[in-house]
Amino acid sequence: MGALDYLSDLCDCSSFREARQLHKLKKHKQLQTVEIKVKMDCEGCERMVRKALEGMKGVSQILIEPKLNKLTVVGYVDPKKVLYRVKHRTGKRPVMWPYVPYDEIPHPYAPGVYDRKAPPGYVRNASENPQLSNFARASSTEVKYTTAFSDDNPNACMIM
């Protein structure tokens, strides 16, 4: 009866149902915004980067800001795969966007946070590097003395 069992297994549709259920349970990727720093000198570089990502599965939108050397990809994509694709299709050296807006950092001129190469209005993200975050964070004594002579503090010293 081995042959009949084999044929019945071939005609059994339960394996298709199981495969369909596994497909439904598979976790879908979330909509993400991936920001990448890529050096783009001319319109040809922009076109090459755009063309490399247009065919990628899951990409909804591609924004290129050539003056900032910034590439923004919106879609259901994995950031590592986007970096890999840009690197191998264009030959450029992309890195994740290392900057945050100037207003989000409490001490933007701390050593290691301020970067001359950063675009206008941006500084390095100190929260990613624990060594830099110690420099960028104000100590309690520093905050105490700065608020003692602040114009916003109504109980501040009137000597100044």
C-alpha atoms as a PDB file:
ATOM      1  CA  MET A   1       0.000   0.000   0.000  1.00  0.00           C
ATOM      2  CA  GLY A   2       3.008   2.330  -0.183  1.00  0.00           C
ATOM      3  CA  ALA A   3       2.116   3.548  -3.674  1.00  0.00           C
ATOM      4  CA  LEU A   4      -1.457   4.424  -2.682  1.00  0.00           C
ATOM      5  CA  ASP A   5      -0.234   6.367   0.356  1.00  0.00           C
ATOM      6  CA  TYR A   6       2.203   8.279  -1.832  1.00  0.00           C
ATOM      7  CA  LEU A   7      -0.530   9.180  -4.349  1.00  0.00           C
ATOM      8  CA  SER A   8      -2.936  10.223  -1.613  1.00  0.00           C
ATOM      9  CA  ASP A   9      -0.254  12.511  -0.154  1.00  0.00           C
ATOM     10  CA  LEU A  10       0.238  14.119  -3.565  1.00  0.00           C
ATOM     11  CA  CYS A  11      -3.478  14.783  -3.964  1.00  0.00           C
ATOM     12  CA  ASP A  12      -3.936  15.990  -0.371  1.00  0.00           C
ATOM     13  CA  CYS A  13      -4.796  19.703  -0.233  1.00  0.00           C
ATOM     14  CA  SER A  14      -4.049  20.124   3.464  1.00  0.00           C
ATOM     15  CA  SER A  15      -0.419  21.014   2.705  1.00  0.00           C
ATOM     16  CA  PHE A  16      -1.641  23.951   0.594  1.00  0.00           C
ATOM     17  CA  ARG A  17      -3.821  25.139   3.481  1.00  0.00           C
ATOM     18  CA  GLU A  18      -0.889  24.931   5.889  1.00  0.00           C
ATOM     19  CA  ALA A  19       1.319  26.905   3.508  1.00  0.00           C
ATOM     20  CA  ARG A  20      -1.387  29.563   3.138  1.00  0.00           C
ATOM     21  CA  GLN A  21      -1.764  29.843   6.942  1.00  0.00           C
ATOM     22  CA  LEU A  22       2.003  30.199   7.371  1.00  0.00           C
ATOM     23  CA  HIS A  23       1.994  32.932   4.737  1.00  0.00           C
ATOM     24  CA  LYS A  24      -0.733  34.816   6.643  1.00  0.00           C
ATOM     25  CA  LEU A  25       1.179  34.498   9.925  1.00  0.00           C
ATOM     26  CA  LYS A  26       4.382  35.821   8.362  1.00  0.00           C
ATOM     27  CA  LYS A  27       5.299  39.189   9.857  1.00  0.00           C
ATOM     28  CA  HIS A  28       5.079  42.079   7.421  1.00  0.00           C
ATOM     29  CA  LYS A  29       7.651  44.844   7.334  1.00  0.00           C
ATOM     30  CA  GLN A  30       6.713  48.188   8.803  1.00  0.00           C
ATOM     31  CA  LEU A  31       6.662  51.459   6.899  1.00  0.00           C
ATOM     32  CA  GLN A  32      10.024  53.105   7.552  1.00  0.00           C
ATOM     33  CA  THR A  33      11.871  56.263   6.654  1.00  0.00           C
ATOM     34  CA  VAL A  34      15.543  55.532   6.002  1.00  0.00           C
ATOM     35  CA  GLU A  35      17.898  58.519   5.895  1.00  0.00           C
ATOM     36  CA  ILE A  36      21.308  57.984   4.314  1.00  0.00           C
ATOM     37  CA  LYS A  37      24.301  60.238   3.743  1.00  0.00           C
ATOM     38  CA  VAL A  38      25.737  59.721   0.238  1.00  0.00           C
ATOM     39  CA  LYS A  39      28.129  62.069  -1.511  1.00  0.00           C
ATOM     40  CA  MET A  40      26.497  63.351  -4.696  1.00  0.00           C
ATOM     41  CA  ASP A  41      28.457  65.824  -6.799  1.00  0.00           C
ATOM     42  CA  CYS A  42      26.305  66.201  -9.894  1.00  0.00           C
ATOM     43  CA  GLU A  43      22.942  65.364 -11.427  1.00  0.00           C
ATOM     44  CA  GLY A  44      24.403  62.145 -12.830  1.00  0.00           C
ATOM     45  CA  CYS A  45      25.159  60.935  -9.298  1.00  0.00           C
ATOM     46  CA  GLU A  46      21.589  61.765  -8.252  1.00  0.00           C
ATOM     47  CA  ARG A  47      20.197  59.862 -11.232  1.00  0.00           C
ATOM     48  CA  MET A  48      22.425  56.853 -10.509  1.00  0.00           C
ATOM     49  CA  VAL A  49      21.321  56.695  -6.853  1.00  0.00           C
ATOM     50  CA  ARG A  50      17.647  57.132  -7.766  1.00  0.00           C
ATOM     51  CA  LYS A  51      17.862  54.455 -10.463  1.00  0.00           C
ATOM     52  CA  ALA A  52      19.520  52.014  -8.043  1.00  0.00           C
ATOM     53  CA  LEU A  53      16.607  52.274  -5.607  1.00  0.00           C
ATOM     54  CA  GLU A  54      13.635  52.623  -7.979  1.00  0.00           C
ATOM     55  CA  GLY A  55      13.500  48.914  -8.737  1.00  0.00           C
ATOM     56  CA  MET A  56      13.833  47.845  -5.116  1.00  0.00           C
ATOM     57  CA  LYS A  57      10.852  45.999  -3.691  1.00  0.00           C
ATOM     58  CA  GLY A  58       8.931  47.930  -1.026  1.00  0.00           C
ATOM     59  CA  VAL A  59      10.213  51.419  -1.880  1.00  0.00           C
ATOM     60  CA  SER A  60       7.371  53.973  -1.974  1.00  0.00           C
ATOM     61  CA  GLN A  61       9.194  57.279  -2.218  1.00  0.00           C
ATOM     62  CA  ILE A  62      12.745  58.494  -2.866  1.00  0.00           C
ATOM     63  CA  LEU A  63      13.797  62.015  -1.853  1.00  0.00           C
ATOM     64  CA  ILE A  64      17.237  63.335  -2.745  1.00  0.00           C
ATOM     65  CA  GLU A  65      18.669  66.543  -1.268  1.00  0.00           C
ATOM     66  CA  PRO A  66      21.950  67.086  -3.145  1.00  0.00           C
ATOM     67  CA  LYS A  67      23.101  70.139  -1.172  1.00  0.00           C
ATOM     68  CA  LEU A  68      22.918  68.162   2.073  1.00  0.00           C
ATOM     69  CA  ASN A  69      24.147  64.904   0.464  1.00  0.00           C
ATOM     70  CA  LYS A  70      21.042  63.299   1.926  1.00  0.00           C
ATOM     71  CA  LEU A  71      18.950  60.445   0.568  1.00  0.00           C
ATOM     72  CA  THR A  72      15.578  59.656   2.146  1.00  0.00           C
ATOM     73  CA  VAL A  73      13.803  56.405   1.277  1.00  0.00           C
ATOM     74  CA  VAL A  74      10.237  55.801   2.454  1.00  0.00           C
ATOM     75  CA  GLY A  75       8.697  52.355   2.201  1.00  0.00           C
ATOM     76  CA  TYR A  76       8.448  48.849   3.545  1.00  0.00           C
ATOM     77  CA  VAL A  77      12.205  48.257   3.419  1.00  0.00           C
ATOM     78  CA  ASP A  78      15.061  47.101   5.610  1.00  0.00           C
ATOM     79  CA  PRO A  79      17.640  49.895   6.227  1.00  0.00           C
ATOM     80  CA  LYS A  80      20.582  47.496   5.877  1.00  0.00           C
ATOM     81  CA  LYS A  81      19.321  46.304   2.502  1.00  0.00           C
ATOM     82  CA  VAL A  82      18.951  49.892   1.284  1.00  0.00           C
ATOM     83  CA  LEU A  83      22.547  50.665   2.324  1.00  0.00           C
ATOM     84  CA  TYR A  84      23.782  47.495   0.615  1.00  0.00           C
ATOM     85  CA  ARG A  85      21.874  48.289  -2.565  1.00  0.00           C
ATOM     86  CA  VAL A  86      23.211  51.841  -2.808  1.00  0.00           C
ATOM     87  CA  LYS A  87      26.743  50.671  -2.090  1.00  0.00           C
ATOM     88  CA  HIS A  88      26.825  47.896  -4.677  1.00  0.00           C
ATOM     89  CA  ARG A  89      24.778  49.513  -7.434  1.00  0.00           C
ATOM     90  CA  THR A  90      26.478  52.912  -7.346  1.00  0.00           C
ATOM     91  CA  GLY A  91      29.933  52.209  -5.945  1.00  0.00           C
ATOM     92  CA  LYS A  92      29.523  55.010  -3.395  1.00  0.00           C
ATOM     93  CA  ARG A  93      30.085  54.754   0.361  1.00  0.00           C
ATOM     94  CA  PRO A  94      26.724  55.374   2.042  1.00  0.00           C
ATOM     95  CA  VAL A  95      26.303  55.725   5.815  1.00  0.00           C
ATOM     96  CA  MET A  96      23.224  56.177   7.952  1.00  0.00           C
ATOM     97  CA  TRP A  97      22.376  59.864   8.453  1.00  0.00           C
ATOM     98  CA  PRO A  98      24.492  60.841  11.502  1.00  0.00           C
ATOM     99  CA  TYR A  99      22.998  64.302  12.122  1.00  0.00           C
ATOM    100  CA  VAL A 100      20.046  65.657  14.081  1.00  0.00           C
ATOM    101  CA  PRO A 101      18.575  69.168  14.007  1.00  0.00           C
ATOM    102  CA  TYR A 102      20.454  71.751  16.042  1.00  0.00           C
ATOM    103  CA  ASP A 103      17.451  72.402  18.338  1.00  0.00           C
ATOM    104  CA  GLU A 104      17.249  68.825  19.672  1.00  0.00           C
ATOM    105  CA  ILE A 105      20.669  68.812  21.382  1.00  0.00           C
ATOM    106  CA  PRO A 106      20.997  70.652  24.733  1.00  0.00           C
ATOM    107  CA  HIS A 107      24.694  71.540  24.173  1.00  0.00           C
ATOM    108  CA  PRO A 108      25.320  71.649  20.420  1.00  0.00           C
ATOM    109  CA  TYR A 109      28.838  73.100  20.775  1.00  0.00           C
ATOM    110  CA  ALA A 110      30.158  70.340  23.060  1.00  0.00           C
ATOM    111  CA  PRO A 111      33.305  68.621  21.782  1.00  0.00           C
ATOM    112  CA  GLY A 112      32.411  65.783  19.463  1.00  0.00           C
ATOM    113  CA  VAL A 113      28.871  66.986  18.850  1.00  0.00           C
ATOM    114  CA  TYR A 114      29.670  70.048  16.760  1.00  0.00           C
ATOM    115  CA  ASP A 115      30.825  69.022  13.294  1.00  0.00           C
ATOM    116  CA  ARG A 116      32.091  71.470  10.672  1.00  0.00           C
ATOM    117  CA  LYS A 117      31.103  69.104   7.880  1.00  0.00           C
ATOM    118  CA  ALA A 118      27.496  68.943   9.053  1.00  0.00           C
ATOM    119  CA  PRO A 119      24.882  70.687   6.908  1.00  0.00           C
ATOM    120  CA  PRO A 120      23.608  74.052   8.187  1.00  0.00           C
ATOM    121  CA  GLY A 121      21.252  73.620  11.129  1.00  0.00           C
ATOM    122  CA  TYR A 122      22.473  70.109  11.981  1.00  0.00           C
ATOM    123  CA  VAL A 123      24.907  68.640  14.536  1.00  0.00           C
ATOM    124  CA  ARG A 124      26.080  65.080  15.240  1.00  0.00           C
ATOM    125  CA  ASN A 125      23.764  62.825  17.213  1.00  0.00           C
ATOM    126  CA  ALA A 126      25.405  62.450  20.637  1.00  0.00           C
ATOM    127  CA  SER A 127      22.940  59.836  21.891  1.00  0.00           C
ATOM    128  CA  GLU A 128      24.398  57.173  19.552  1.00  0.00           C
ATOM    129  CA  ASN A 129      27.898  57.395  21.047  1.00  0.00           C
ATOM    130  CA  PRO A 130      28.058  57.010  24.863  1.00  0.00           C
ATOM    131  CA  GLN A 131      31.443  58.772  25.086  1.00  0.00           C
ATOM    132  CA  LEU A 132      30.089  61.877  23.367  1.00  0.00           C
ATOM    133  CA  SER A 133      26.858  61.922  25.363  1.00  0.00           C
ATOM    134  CA  ASN A 134      28.804  62.562  28.601  1.00  0.00           C
ATOM    135  CA  PHE A 135      30.272  65.731  27.080  1.00  0.00           C
ATOM    136  CA  ALA A 136      26.965  66.900  25.634  1.00  0.00           C
ATOM    137  CA  ARG A 137      24.996  66.470  28.867  1.00  0.00           C
ATOM    138  CA  ALA A 138      24.979  69.294  31.405  1.00  0.00           C
ATOM    139  CA  SER A 139      25.907  68.463  34.961  1.00  0.00           C
ATOM    140  CA  SER A 140      23.568  69.394  37.828  1.00  0.00           C
ATOM    141  CA  THR A 141      25.965  72.047  39.171  1.00  0.00           C
ATOM    142  CA  GLU A 142      26.213  73.638  35.729  1.00  0.00           C
ATOM    143  CA  VAL A 143      22.428  73.815  35.455  1.00  0.00           C
ATOM    144  CA  LYS A 144      22.158  75.232  38.981  1.00  0.00           C
ATOM    145  CA  TYR A 145      24.579  78.091  38.259  1.00  0.00           C
ATOM    146  CA  THR A 146      23.161  78.949  34.851  1.00  0.00           C
ATOM    147  CA  THR A 147      19.601  79.134  36.169  1.00  0.00           C
ATOM    148  CA  ALA A 148      20.710  81.278  39.142  1.00  0.00           C
ATOM    149  CA  PHE A 149      21.649  84.099  36.772  1.00  0.00           C
ATOM    150  CA  SER A 150      19.014  83.488  34.129  1.00  0.00           C
ATOM    151  CA  ASP A 151      16.613  86.205  32.958  1.00  0.00           C
ATOM    152  CA  ASP A 152      13.831  83.607  32.866  1.00  0.00           C
ATOM    153  CA  ASN A 153      14.164  82.856  36.596  1.00  0.00           C
ATOM    154  CA  PRO A 154      12.182  85.414  38.657  1.00  0.00           C
ATOM    155  CA  ASN A 155      14.174  84.536  41.815  1.00  0.00           C
ATOM    156  CA  ALA A 156      17.521  85.041  40.069  1.00  0.00           C
ATOM    157  CA  CYS A 157      20.251  87.224  41.446  1.00  0.00           C
ATOM    158  CA  MET A 158      19.769  90.905  40.613  1.00  0.00           C
ATOM    159  CA  ILE A 159      23.497  91.735  40.673  1.00  0.00           C
ATOM    160  CA  MET A 160      23.853  91.430  36.953  1.00  0.00           C
END
